[in-house]
N, C-alpha and C. Protein backbone atom coordinates (compact mmCIF):
# COMPACT_ATOMS: atom_id res chain seq x y z
N MET A 1 -0.10 0.11 -23.87
CA MET A 1 0.93 -0.49 -23.04
C MET A 1 1.98 -1.19 -23.91
N GLN A 2 1.55 -1.85 -24.98
CA GLN A 2 2.49 -2.52 -25.87
C GLN A 2 3.41 -1.51 -26.54
N ASP A 3 2.85 -0.36 -26.95
CA ASP A 3 3.67 0.68 -27.55
C ASP A 3 4.76 1.14 -26.59
N GLU A 4 4.40 1.27 -25.32
CA GLU A 4 5.36 1.71 -24.30
C GLU A 4 6.47 0.67 -24.12
N LYS A 5 6.11 -0.60 -24.09
CA LYS A 5 7.12 -1.66 -23.95
C LYS A 5 8.02 -1.71 -25.18
N ASP A 6 7.43 -1.53 -26.36
CA ASP A 6 8.20 -1.51 -27.59
C ASP A 6 9.15 -0.32 -27.59
N PHE A 7 8.66 0.83 -27.13
CA PHE A 7 9.50 2.02 -27.06
C PHE A 7 10.68 1.79 -26.11
N GLN A 8 10.42 1.22 -24.94
CA GLN A 8 11.49 0.96 -23.98
C GLN A 8 12.51 -0.03 -24.55
N ARG A 9 12.02 -1.03 -25.28
CA ARG A 9 12.92 -2.00 -25.90
C ARG A 9 13.81 -1.31 -26.93
N ARG A 10 13.23 -0.43 -27.71
CA ARG A 10 14.01 0.29 -28.72
C ARG A 10 15.04 1.23 -28.08
N ILE A 11 14.65 1.88 -27.00
CA ILE A 11 15.59 2.75 -26.29
C ILE A 11 16.77 1.92 -25.79
N GLN A 12 16.49 0.74 -25.28
CA GLN A 12 17.56 -0.15 -24.81
C GLN A 12 18.47 -0.55 -25.97
N GLN A 13 17.89 -0.87 -27.11
CA GLN A 13 18.69 -1.23 -28.28
C GLN A 13 19.58 -0.07 -28.72
N ILE A 14 19.03 1.13 -28.71
CA ILE A 14 19.83 2.31 -29.08
C ILE A 14 20.99 2.48 -28.11
N GLY A 15 20.71 2.34 -26.82
CA GLY A 15 21.76 2.44 -25.82
C GLY A 15 22.86 1.42 -26.04
N ASP A 16 22.46 0.19 -26.34
CA ASP A 16 23.44 -0.87 -26.60
C ASP A 16 24.30 -0.54 -27.83
N LEU A 17 23.66 -0.06 -28.88
CA LEU A 17 24.40 0.28 -30.11
C LEU A 17 25.34 1.46 -29.89
N VAL A 18 24.90 2.44 -29.11
CA VAL A 18 25.78 3.58 -28.82
C VAL A 18 26.99 3.11 -28.03
N GLN A 19 26.80 2.19 -27.10
CA GLN A 19 27.93 1.65 -26.34
C GLN A 19 28.89 0.89 -27.26
N GLU A 20 28.35 0.22 -28.26
CA GLU A 20 29.19 -0.51 -29.21
C GLU A 20 30.08 0.43 -30.02
N LEU A 21 29.66 1.68 -30.16
CA LEU A 21 30.48 2.63 -30.91
C LEU A 21 31.88 2.76 -30.30
N ASP A 22 31.97 2.61 -29.00
CA ASP A 22 33.28 2.72 -28.33
C ASP A 22 34.21 1.57 -28.69
N THR A 23 33.66 0.52 -29.28
CA THR A 23 34.51 -0.63 -29.63
C THR A 23 35.07 -0.53 -31.05
N ILE A 24 34.68 0.50 -31.78
CA ILE A 24 35.21 0.68 -33.14
C ILE A 24 36.71 0.98 -33.01
N ALA A 25 37.50 0.17 -33.68
CA ALA A 25 38.96 0.26 -33.55
C ALA A 25 39.52 1.55 -34.17
N ASP A 26 39.00 1.95 -35.29
CA ASP A 26 39.50 3.13 -35.98
C ASP A 26 38.99 4.39 -35.27
N PRO A 27 39.89 5.17 -34.64
CA PRO A 27 39.45 6.34 -33.88
C PRO A 27 38.73 7.38 -34.73
N GLU A 28 39.16 7.56 -35.98
CA GLU A 28 38.50 8.54 -36.84
C GLU A 28 37.09 8.09 -37.19
N LEU A 29 36.93 6.82 -37.52
CA LEU A 29 35.60 6.29 -37.83
C LEU A 29 34.70 6.36 -36.59
N ARG A 30 35.25 6.03 -35.43
CA ARG A 30 34.48 6.09 -34.18
C ARG A 30 34.00 7.52 -33.93
N ALA A 31 34.87 8.50 -34.08
CA ALA A 31 34.51 9.90 -33.85
C ALA A 31 33.46 10.37 -34.86
N ARG A 32 33.63 9.98 -36.11
CA ARG A 32 32.67 10.39 -37.15
C ARG A 32 31.30 9.75 -36.92
N THR A 33 31.29 8.51 -36.49
CA THR A 33 30.03 7.82 -36.22
C THR A 33 29.31 8.48 -35.04
N LYS A 34 30.05 8.78 -33.98
CA LYS A 34 29.45 9.45 -32.82
C LYS A 34 28.94 10.84 -33.22
N ASN A 35 29.67 11.53 -34.07
CA ASN A 35 29.25 12.84 -34.54
C ASN A 35 27.95 12.73 -35.33
N LEU A 36 27.83 11.70 -36.17
CA LEU A 36 26.60 11.48 -36.93
C LEU A 36 25.42 11.27 -35.99
N VAL A 37 25.59 10.43 -34.98
CA VAL A 37 24.51 10.18 -34.01
C VAL A 37 24.12 11.48 -33.32
N GLN A 38 25.12 12.26 -32.90
CA GLN A 38 24.83 13.53 -32.21
C GLN A 38 24.10 14.51 -33.12
N LEU A 39 24.50 14.58 -34.38
CA LEU A 39 23.82 15.46 -35.33
C LEU A 39 22.36 15.06 -35.54
N ILE A 40 22.11 13.77 -35.60
CA ILE A 40 20.72 13.29 -35.74
C ILE A 40 19.91 13.66 -34.51
N LEU A 41 20.49 13.47 -33.32
CA LEU A 41 19.79 13.84 -32.08
C LEU A 41 19.53 15.35 -32.04
N ASP A 42 20.51 16.15 -32.44
CA ASP A 42 20.34 17.60 -32.45
C ASP A 42 19.24 18.02 -33.42
N LEU A 43 19.19 17.37 -34.59
CA LEU A 43 18.15 17.67 -35.57
C LEU A 43 16.76 17.33 -35.01
N HIS A 44 16.65 16.17 -34.39
CA HIS A 44 15.37 15.79 -33.78
C HIS A 44 14.96 16.76 -32.69
N ALA A 45 15.92 17.13 -31.84
CA ALA A 45 15.62 18.07 -30.75
C ALA A 45 15.12 19.39 -31.31
N ALA A 46 15.79 19.90 -32.34
CA ALA A 46 15.38 21.18 -32.94
C ALA A 46 13.97 21.06 -33.55
N GLY A 47 13.69 19.93 -34.19
CA GLY A 47 12.37 19.73 -34.80
C GLY A 47 11.27 19.63 -33.76
N ILE A 48 11.53 18.90 -32.68
CA ILE A 48 10.52 18.77 -31.62
C ILE A 48 10.32 20.11 -30.92
N GLU A 49 11.42 20.82 -30.67
CA GLU A 49 11.31 22.13 -30.03
C GLU A 49 10.49 23.09 -30.89
N ARG A 50 10.75 23.08 -32.18
CA ARG A 50 10.01 23.97 -33.08
C ARG A 50 8.53 23.58 -33.13
N THR A 51 8.26 22.28 -33.11
CA THR A 51 6.87 21.80 -33.09
C THR A 51 6.14 22.34 -31.85
N LEU A 52 6.80 22.28 -30.70
CA LEU A 52 6.20 22.79 -29.47
C LEU A 52 5.98 24.30 -29.54
N GLU A 53 6.92 25.01 -30.17
CA GLU A 53 6.76 26.46 -30.34
C GLU A 53 5.55 26.78 -31.20
N VAL A 54 5.37 26.04 -32.28
CA VAL A 54 4.22 26.27 -33.17
C VAL A 54 2.93 25.97 -32.42
N ILE A 55 2.91 24.87 -31.69
CA ILE A 55 1.71 24.53 -30.91
C ILE A 55 1.41 25.63 -29.90
N ALA A 56 2.45 26.15 -29.25
CA ALA A 56 2.28 27.15 -28.20
C ALA A 56 1.77 28.49 -28.71
N THR A 57 1.86 28.75 -30.03
CA THR A 57 1.38 30.03 -30.55
C THR A 57 -0.12 30.18 -30.35
N ASN A 58 -0.84 29.08 -30.30
CA ASN A 58 -2.26 29.12 -29.95
C ASN A 58 -2.33 29.00 -28.43
N GLU A 59 -2.26 30.12 -27.75
CA GLU A 59 -1.99 30.17 -26.32
C GLU A 59 -2.82 29.23 -25.47
N ASP A 60 -4.14 29.30 -25.55
CA ASP A 60 -4.98 28.48 -24.67
C ASP A 60 -4.92 27.00 -25.02
N VAL A 61 -5.27 26.70 -26.25
CA VAL A 61 -5.30 25.31 -26.69
C VAL A 61 -3.89 24.73 -26.77
N GLY A 62 -2.95 25.53 -27.24
CA GLY A 62 -1.58 25.07 -27.42
C GLY A 62 -0.94 24.60 -26.12
N GLN A 63 -1.08 25.38 -25.06
CA GLN A 63 -0.47 24.99 -23.79
C GLN A 63 -1.13 23.74 -23.24
N ARG A 64 -2.43 23.60 -23.41
CA ARG A 64 -3.11 22.36 -22.96
C ARG A 64 -2.58 21.17 -23.75
N MET A 65 -2.36 21.36 -25.05
CA MET A 65 -1.82 20.26 -25.87
C MET A 65 -0.42 19.89 -25.41
N ILE A 66 0.41 20.88 -25.13
CA ILE A 66 1.77 20.60 -24.66
C ILE A 66 1.73 19.87 -23.32
N ASP A 67 0.83 20.31 -22.43
CA ASP A 67 0.69 19.63 -21.14
C ASP A 67 0.24 18.18 -21.34
N ASP A 68 -0.69 17.96 -22.27
CA ASP A 68 -1.15 16.60 -22.57
C ASP A 68 0.00 15.75 -23.11
N LEU A 69 0.81 16.33 -23.97
CA LEU A 69 1.98 15.61 -24.50
C LEU A 69 2.94 15.25 -23.37
N GLY A 70 3.09 16.14 -22.42
CA GLY A 70 3.97 15.89 -21.28
C GLY A 70 3.46 14.79 -20.37
N ARG A 71 2.16 14.52 -20.40
CA ARG A 71 1.59 13.45 -19.57
C ARG A 71 1.61 12.09 -20.26
N ASP A 72 1.76 12.09 -21.58
CA ASP A 72 1.82 10.83 -22.31
C ASP A 72 3.17 10.16 -22.03
N PRO A 73 3.17 8.91 -21.55
CA PRO A 73 4.44 8.27 -21.16
C PRO A 73 5.48 8.23 -22.28
N LEU A 74 5.07 7.89 -23.48
CA LEU A 74 6.02 7.78 -24.58
C LEU A 74 6.56 9.15 -24.99
N VAL A 75 5.67 10.10 -25.22
CA VAL A 75 6.08 11.44 -25.64
C VAL A 75 6.86 12.12 -24.51
N SER A 76 6.42 11.91 -23.28
CA SER A 76 7.11 12.49 -22.13
C SER A 76 8.57 12.06 -22.09
N SER A 77 8.82 10.78 -22.36
CA SER A 77 10.20 10.28 -22.37
C SER A 77 11.04 10.98 -23.42
N LEU A 78 10.46 11.22 -24.58
CA LEU A 78 11.18 11.94 -25.64
C LEU A 78 11.45 13.39 -25.24
N LEU A 79 10.45 14.02 -24.63
CA LEU A 79 10.63 15.41 -24.22
C LEU A 79 11.71 15.53 -23.15
N VAL A 80 11.77 14.56 -22.25
CA VAL A 80 12.82 14.55 -21.23
C VAL A 80 14.18 14.35 -21.91
N LEU A 81 14.25 13.41 -22.84
CA LEU A 81 15.50 13.11 -23.54
C LEU A 81 16.09 14.37 -24.18
N TYR A 82 15.23 15.20 -24.74
CA TYR A 82 15.69 16.39 -25.44
C TYR A 82 15.64 17.65 -24.57
N GLY A 83 15.33 17.49 -23.29
CA GLY A 83 15.30 18.65 -22.39
C GLY A 83 14.17 19.61 -22.70
N LEU A 84 13.05 19.09 -23.21
CA LEU A 84 11.94 19.94 -23.64
C LEU A 84 10.65 19.70 -22.86
N HIS A 85 10.71 18.90 -21.80
CA HIS A 85 9.48 18.58 -21.07
C HIS A 85 8.90 19.86 -20.48
N PRO A 86 7.56 20.03 -20.54
CA PRO A 86 6.96 21.26 -20.01
C PRO A 86 7.11 21.41 -18.49
N LEU A 87 7.36 20.32 -17.79
CA LEU A 87 7.55 20.38 -16.34
C LEU A 87 9.01 20.11 -16.00
N ASP A 88 9.51 20.81 -14.99
CA ASP A 88 10.87 20.52 -14.56
C ASP A 88 10.88 19.21 -13.77
N ILE A 89 12.06 18.74 -13.45
CA ILE A 89 12.20 17.43 -12.81
C ILE A 89 11.47 17.38 -11.47
N ASP A 90 11.56 18.45 -10.67
CA ASP A 90 10.89 18.46 -9.37
C ASP A 90 9.38 18.37 -9.51
N ALA A 91 8.83 19.06 -10.49
CA ALA A 91 7.38 19.02 -10.71
C ALA A 91 6.93 17.63 -11.18
N ARG A 92 7.75 17.00 -12.03
CA ARG A 92 7.40 15.65 -12.49
C ARG A 92 7.44 14.65 -11.34
N ILE A 93 8.41 14.80 -10.46
CA ILE A 93 8.51 13.91 -9.30
C ILE A 93 7.33 14.14 -8.37
N ALA A 94 7.02 15.40 -8.09
CA ALA A 94 5.89 15.71 -7.21
C ALA A 94 4.59 15.15 -7.77
N ARG A 95 4.40 15.26 -9.09
CA ARG A 95 3.18 14.72 -9.70
C ARG A 95 3.14 13.20 -9.59
N ALA A 96 4.29 12.56 -9.80
CA ALA A 96 4.34 11.10 -9.68
C ALA A 96 4.02 10.65 -8.26
N VAL A 97 4.56 11.36 -7.28
CA VAL A 97 4.29 11.01 -5.87
C VAL A 97 2.81 11.21 -5.57
N GLU A 98 2.25 12.31 -6.05
CA GLU A 98 0.84 12.59 -5.84
C GLU A 98 -0.04 11.46 -6.40
N LYS A 99 0.32 10.96 -7.58
CA LYS A 99 -0.43 9.85 -8.18
C LYS A 99 -0.20 8.54 -7.43
N LEU A 100 0.98 8.41 -6.81
CA LEU A 100 1.32 7.17 -6.11
C LEU A 100 0.64 7.04 -4.76
N VAL A 101 0.41 8.15 -4.08
CA VAL A 101 -0.10 8.12 -2.70
C VAL A 101 -1.31 7.21 -2.55
N PRO A 102 -2.37 7.34 -3.37
CA PRO A 102 -3.52 6.46 -3.17
C PRO A 102 -3.20 4.98 -3.44
N LYS A 103 -2.31 4.71 -4.40
CA LYS A 103 -1.93 3.33 -4.69
C LYS A 103 -1.15 2.72 -3.54
N ILE A 104 -0.24 3.49 -2.97
CA ILE A 104 0.55 3.01 -1.84
C ILE A 104 -0.37 2.78 -0.64
N ARG A 105 -1.28 3.71 -0.41
CA ARG A 105 -2.24 3.57 0.71
C ARG A 105 -3.06 2.30 0.54
N LYS A 106 -3.49 2.04 -0.68
CA LYS A 106 -4.30 0.85 -0.97
C LYS A 106 -3.51 -0.44 -0.68
N ASN A 107 -2.17 -0.35 -0.83
CA ASN A 107 -1.31 -1.50 -0.58
C ASN A 107 -0.71 -1.50 0.83
N GLY A 108 -1.29 -0.72 1.72
CA GLY A 108 -0.89 -0.77 3.12
C GLY A 108 0.27 0.12 3.50
N GLY A 109 0.41 1.27 2.85
CA GLY A 109 1.50 2.16 3.21
C GLY A 109 1.14 3.62 3.05
N GLU A 110 2.01 4.46 3.55
CA GLU A 110 1.90 5.91 3.40
C GLU A 110 3.20 6.38 2.76
N LEU A 111 3.09 7.30 1.79
CA LEU A 111 4.25 7.79 1.05
C LEU A 111 4.38 9.29 1.23
N GLU A 112 5.63 9.73 1.43
CA GLU A 112 5.90 11.15 1.59
C GLU A 112 7.17 11.51 0.82
N LEU A 113 7.10 12.60 0.09
CA LEU A 113 8.27 13.14 -0.60
C LEU A 113 9.02 14.00 0.40
N GLU A 114 10.20 13.53 0.82
CA GLU A 114 10.99 14.29 1.79
C GLU A 114 11.80 15.38 1.12
N SER A 115 12.40 15.06 -0.03
CA SER A 115 13.16 16.08 -0.74
C SER A 115 13.39 15.68 -2.18
N SER A 116 13.61 16.70 -2.98
CA SER A 116 13.97 16.51 -4.39
C SER A 116 14.85 17.69 -4.75
N GLN A 117 16.17 17.44 -4.74
CA GLN A 117 17.11 18.52 -5.01
C GLN A 117 18.22 18.02 -5.92
N ASN A 118 18.52 18.81 -6.93
CA ASN A 118 19.59 18.48 -7.86
C ASN A 118 19.46 17.08 -8.46
N GLY A 119 18.24 16.64 -8.67
CA GLY A 119 18.02 15.33 -9.27
C GLY A 119 18.08 14.16 -8.30
N PHE A 120 18.27 14.44 -7.02
CA PHE A 120 18.29 13.38 -6.01
C PHE A 120 16.97 13.40 -5.27
N VAL A 121 16.29 12.26 -5.25
CA VAL A 121 14.96 12.16 -4.68
C VAL A 121 15.02 11.31 -3.41
N LYS A 122 14.40 11.83 -2.35
CA LYS A 122 14.33 11.09 -1.09
C LYS A 122 12.86 10.96 -0.70
N LEU A 123 12.43 9.71 -0.58
CA LEU A 123 11.04 9.41 -0.21
C LEU A 123 11.03 8.64 1.10
N ARG A 124 9.94 8.76 1.83
CA ARG A 124 9.76 7.98 3.05
C ARG A 124 8.45 7.22 2.94
N VAL A 125 8.52 5.95 3.29
CA VAL A 125 7.33 5.09 3.27
C VAL A 125 7.14 4.54 4.67
N ARG A 126 5.89 4.56 5.10
CA ARG A 126 5.52 3.91 6.36
C ARG A 126 4.53 2.81 6.01
N VAL A 127 4.88 1.60 6.36
CA VAL A 127 3.99 0.48 6.11
C VAL A 127 2.98 0.46 7.25
N THR A 128 1.68 0.56 6.90
CA THR A 128 0.63 0.65 7.91
C THR A 128 -0.14 -0.64 8.07
N ALA A 129 -0.08 -1.51 7.09
CA ALA A 129 -0.83 -2.77 7.15
C ALA A 129 0.16 -3.92 7.17
N HIS A 130 -0.21 -4.96 7.86
CA HIS A 130 0.63 -6.16 7.91
C HIS A 130 -0.09 -7.26 7.16
N GLY A 131 0.43 -7.59 6.02
CA GLY A 131 -0.18 -8.64 5.23
C GLY A 131 0.82 -9.75 5.01
N CYS A 132 0.39 -10.77 4.32
CA CYS A 132 1.30 -11.85 4.03
C CYS A 132 2.16 -11.45 2.84
N GLY A 133 3.21 -12.16 2.64
CA GLY A 133 4.11 -11.85 1.53
C GLY A 133 5.07 -10.76 1.95
N SER A 134 5.56 -10.05 0.96
CA SER A 134 6.53 -9.00 1.23
C SER A 134 6.02 -7.67 0.71
N PRO A 135 5.23 -6.94 1.55
CA PRO A 135 4.71 -5.66 1.08
C PRO A 135 5.81 -4.66 0.78
N ALA A 136 6.93 -4.76 1.49
CA ALA A 136 8.03 -3.82 1.26
C ALA A 136 8.56 -3.93 -0.17
N LYS A 137 8.75 -5.14 -0.65
CA LYS A 137 9.26 -5.34 -2.01
C LYS A 137 8.26 -4.84 -3.04
N THR A 138 6.99 -5.12 -2.81
CA THR A 138 5.94 -4.69 -3.73
C THR A 138 5.87 -3.17 -3.79
N LEU A 139 5.88 -2.54 -2.62
CA LEU A 139 5.81 -1.09 -2.56
C LEU A 139 7.05 -0.46 -3.19
N LYS A 140 8.20 -1.01 -2.91
CA LYS A 140 9.45 -0.46 -3.47
C LYS A 140 9.42 -0.52 -4.99
N SER A 141 9.03 -1.64 -5.53
CA SER A 141 8.97 -1.81 -6.98
C SER A 141 7.98 -0.83 -7.60
N MET A 142 6.83 -0.68 -6.97
CA MET A 142 5.79 0.22 -7.47
C MET A 142 6.30 1.66 -7.48
N ILE A 143 6.99 2.05 -6.41
CA ILE A 143 7.50 3.42 -6.30
C ILE A 143 8.60 3.66 -7.32
N GLU A 144 9.56 2.75 -7.40
CA GLU A 144 10.66 2.91 -8.35
C GLU A 144 10.16 3.03 -9.77
N ASP A 145 9.23 2.15 -10.16
CA ASP A 145 8.70 2.19 -11.52
C ASP A 145 8.07 3.55 -11.83
N ALA A 146 7.26 4.05 -10.90
CA ALA A 146 6.55 5.31 -11.14
C ALA A 146 7.52 6.49 -11.19
N ILE A 147 8.49 6.53 -10.30
CA ILE A 147 9.43 7.66 -10.26
C ILE A 147 10.32 7.66 -11.50
N TYR A 148 10.85 6.49 -11.86
CA TYR A 148 11.73 6.44 -13.04
C TYR A 148 10.96 6.69 -14.33
N GLU A 149 9.68 6.34 -14.37
CA GLU A 149 8.89 6.65 -15.56
C GLU A 149 8.67 8.15 -15.68
N ALA A 150 8.37 8.79 -14.56
CA ALA A 150 8.10 10.23 -14.58
C ALA A 150 9.37 11.05 -14.76
N ALA A 151 10.47 10.54 -14.20
CA ALA A 151 11.71 11.32 -14.22
C ALA A 151 12.91 10.40 -14.46
N PRO A 152 13.06 9.91 -15.68
CA PRO A 152 14.18 9.01 -15.96
C PRO A 152 15.53 9.72 -15.85
N ASP A 153 15.49 11.03 -15.73
CA ASP A 153 16.72 11.82 -15.65
C ASP A 153 17.17 12.12 -14.22
N ILE A 154 16.57 11.45 -13.22
CA ILE A 154 17.03 11.69 -11.85
C ILE A 154 18.43 11.12 -11.67
N ASN A 155 19.14 11.67 -10.70
CA ASN A 155 20.50 11.22 -10.39
C ASN A 155 20.52 10.15 -9.32
N GLY A 156 19.46 10.06 -8.53
CA GLY A 156 19.42 9.05 -7.48
C GLY A 156 18.07 9.02 -6.81
N LEU A 157 17.74 7.85 -6.28
CA LEU A 157 16.46 7.65 -5.60
C LEU A 157 16.72 6.91 -4.30
N GLN A 158 16.29 7.49 -3.20
CA GLN A 158 16.42 6.85 -1.89
C GLN A 158 15.02 6.70 -1.30
N ILE A 159 14.70 5.46 -0.94
CA ILE A 159 13.39 5.18 -0.35
C ILE A 159 13.64 4.66 1.06
N GLU A 160 13.25 5.44 2.05
CA GLU A 160 13.44 5.05 3.44
C GLU A 160 12.15 4.45 3.98
N GLY A 161 12.33 3.51 4.90
CA GLY A 161 11.19 2.91 5.56
C GLY A 161 10.78 1.56 5.00
N LEU A 162 11.47 1.09 3.99
CA LEU A 162 11.11 -0.20 3.40
C LEU A 162 12.19 -1.25 3.63
N GLU A 163 13.03 -1.01 4.61
CA GLU A 163 14.06 -1.99 4.92
C GLU A 163 13.37 -3.26 5.42
N GLU A 164 13.87 -4.38 4.98
CA GLU A 164 13.30 -5.66 5.40
C GLU A 164 13.60 -5.88 6.88
N PRO A 165 12.60 -6.23 7.68
CA PRO A 165 12.86 -6.48 9.10
C PRO A 165 13.70 -7.74 9.27
N LYS A 166 14.49 -7.75 10.34
CA LYS A 166 15.30 -8.93 10.63
C LYS A 166 14.37 -10.06 11.04
N SER A 167 14.83 -11.26 10.85
CA SER A 167 14.05 -12.45 11.16
C SER A 167 13.67 -12.47 12.62
N SER A 168 12.45 -12.82 12.92
CA SER A 168 11.99 -12.91 14.30
C SER A 168 11.90 -14.37 14.74
N SER A 169 12.70 -15.23 14.12
CA SER A 169 12.63 -16.65 14.43
C SER A 169 13.28 -16.99 15.77
N GLY A 170 14.01 -16.03 16.34
CA GLY A 170 14.70 -16.32 17.59
C GLY A 170 16.13 -16.78 17.35
N PHE A 171 16.50 -17.08 16.13
CA PHE A 171 17.85 -17.52 15.83
C PHE A 171 18.80 -16.34 15.91
N VAL A 172 19.88 -16.51 16.64
CA VAL A 172 20.91 -15.49 16.75
C VAL A 172 22.20 -16.11 16.26
N PRO A 173 22.82 -15.55 15.22
CA PRO A 173 24.10 -16.09 14.76
C PRO A 173 25.13 -16.04 15.88
N LEU A 174 25.98 -17.05 15.94
CA LEU A 174 26.96 -17.18 17.00
C LEU A 174 27.85 -15.94 17.09
N ASN A 175 28.23 -15.36 15.96
CA ASN A 175 29.09 -14.18 15.96
C ASN A 175 28.41 -12.94 16.53
N ASP A 176 27.07 -12.95 16.63
CA ASP A 176 26.35 -11.80 17.17
C ASP A 176 26.30 -11.80 18.69
N LEU A 177 26.65 -12.91 19.31
CA LEU A 177 26.63 -12.98 20.77
C LEU A 177 27.74 -12.08 21.30
N SER A 178 27.41 -11.24 22.26
CA SER A 178 28.41 -10.28 22.75
C SER A 178 29.55 -10.97 23.47
N GLY A 179 30.75 -10.66 23.04
CA GLY A 179 31.95 -11.15 23.69
C GLY A 179 32.28 -12.60 23.45
N VAL A 180 31.43 -13.31 22.72
CA VAL A 180 31.69 -14.72 22.49
C VAL A 180 31.87 -14.93 21.00
N GLY A 181 33.01 -15.44 20.63
CA GLY A 181 33.27 -15.73 19.24
C GLY A 181 33.53 -17.21 19.08
N VAL A 182 33.62 -17.67 17.85
CA VAL A 182 33.86 -19.07 17.59
C VAL A 182 35.19 -19.52 18.22
N THR A 183 36.20 -18.69 18.12
CA THR A 183 37.50 -19.08 18.68
C THR A 183 37.45 -19.16 20.20
N ALA A 184 36.62 -18.34 20.84
CA ALA A 184 36.53 -18.38 22.30
C ALA A 184 35.89 -19.66 22.78
N LEU A 185 34.99 -20.23 21.99
CA LEU A 185 34.34 -21.46 22.40
C LEU A 185 35.26 -22.65 22.27
N GLY A 186 36.22 -22.57 21.37
CA GLY A 186 37.12 -23.69 21.14
C GLY A 186 38.20 -23.81 22.19
N LYS A 187 38.34 -22.85 23.11
CA LYS A 187 39.39 -22.88 24.13
C LYS A 187 38.99 -23.64 25.35
């Protein structure tokens, strides 16, 4: 777990440094620096891709090893970064949802994958248990973490069914009263 947190911290640092490249005043230096970063990424991608090809030459064991690498959170993130993950985005999302279902059920909900198209994921949650606290927030956080870990390359995530219910205290804001506004009361 510590390795994963360290990896995420380093990814964040890299992202911050890449954004800083845009602040380099000299356009030629900025372009050359970005080119250097891209060349390093391309070299890494080629090396990882070749490693997977070599592993895959041993058909039975090799494919199992590649699948195992794809399940490792740290290695999986790298494979996604370089477009080399053994599973496509829809398969990774489906697997994440499959793993989430028992956890969501244990926390008083039901989870369903409604759609996953072009990197946009739509999930539906039905809260089945009424407990204290805010189960909606807990479930939402749990779902988001799992989906973004499995598929950090998604374009969007929509979770339906976890909207916070309106207060049942009986209080109705004055502006919500039909036909009666603050100015009407002052007349």
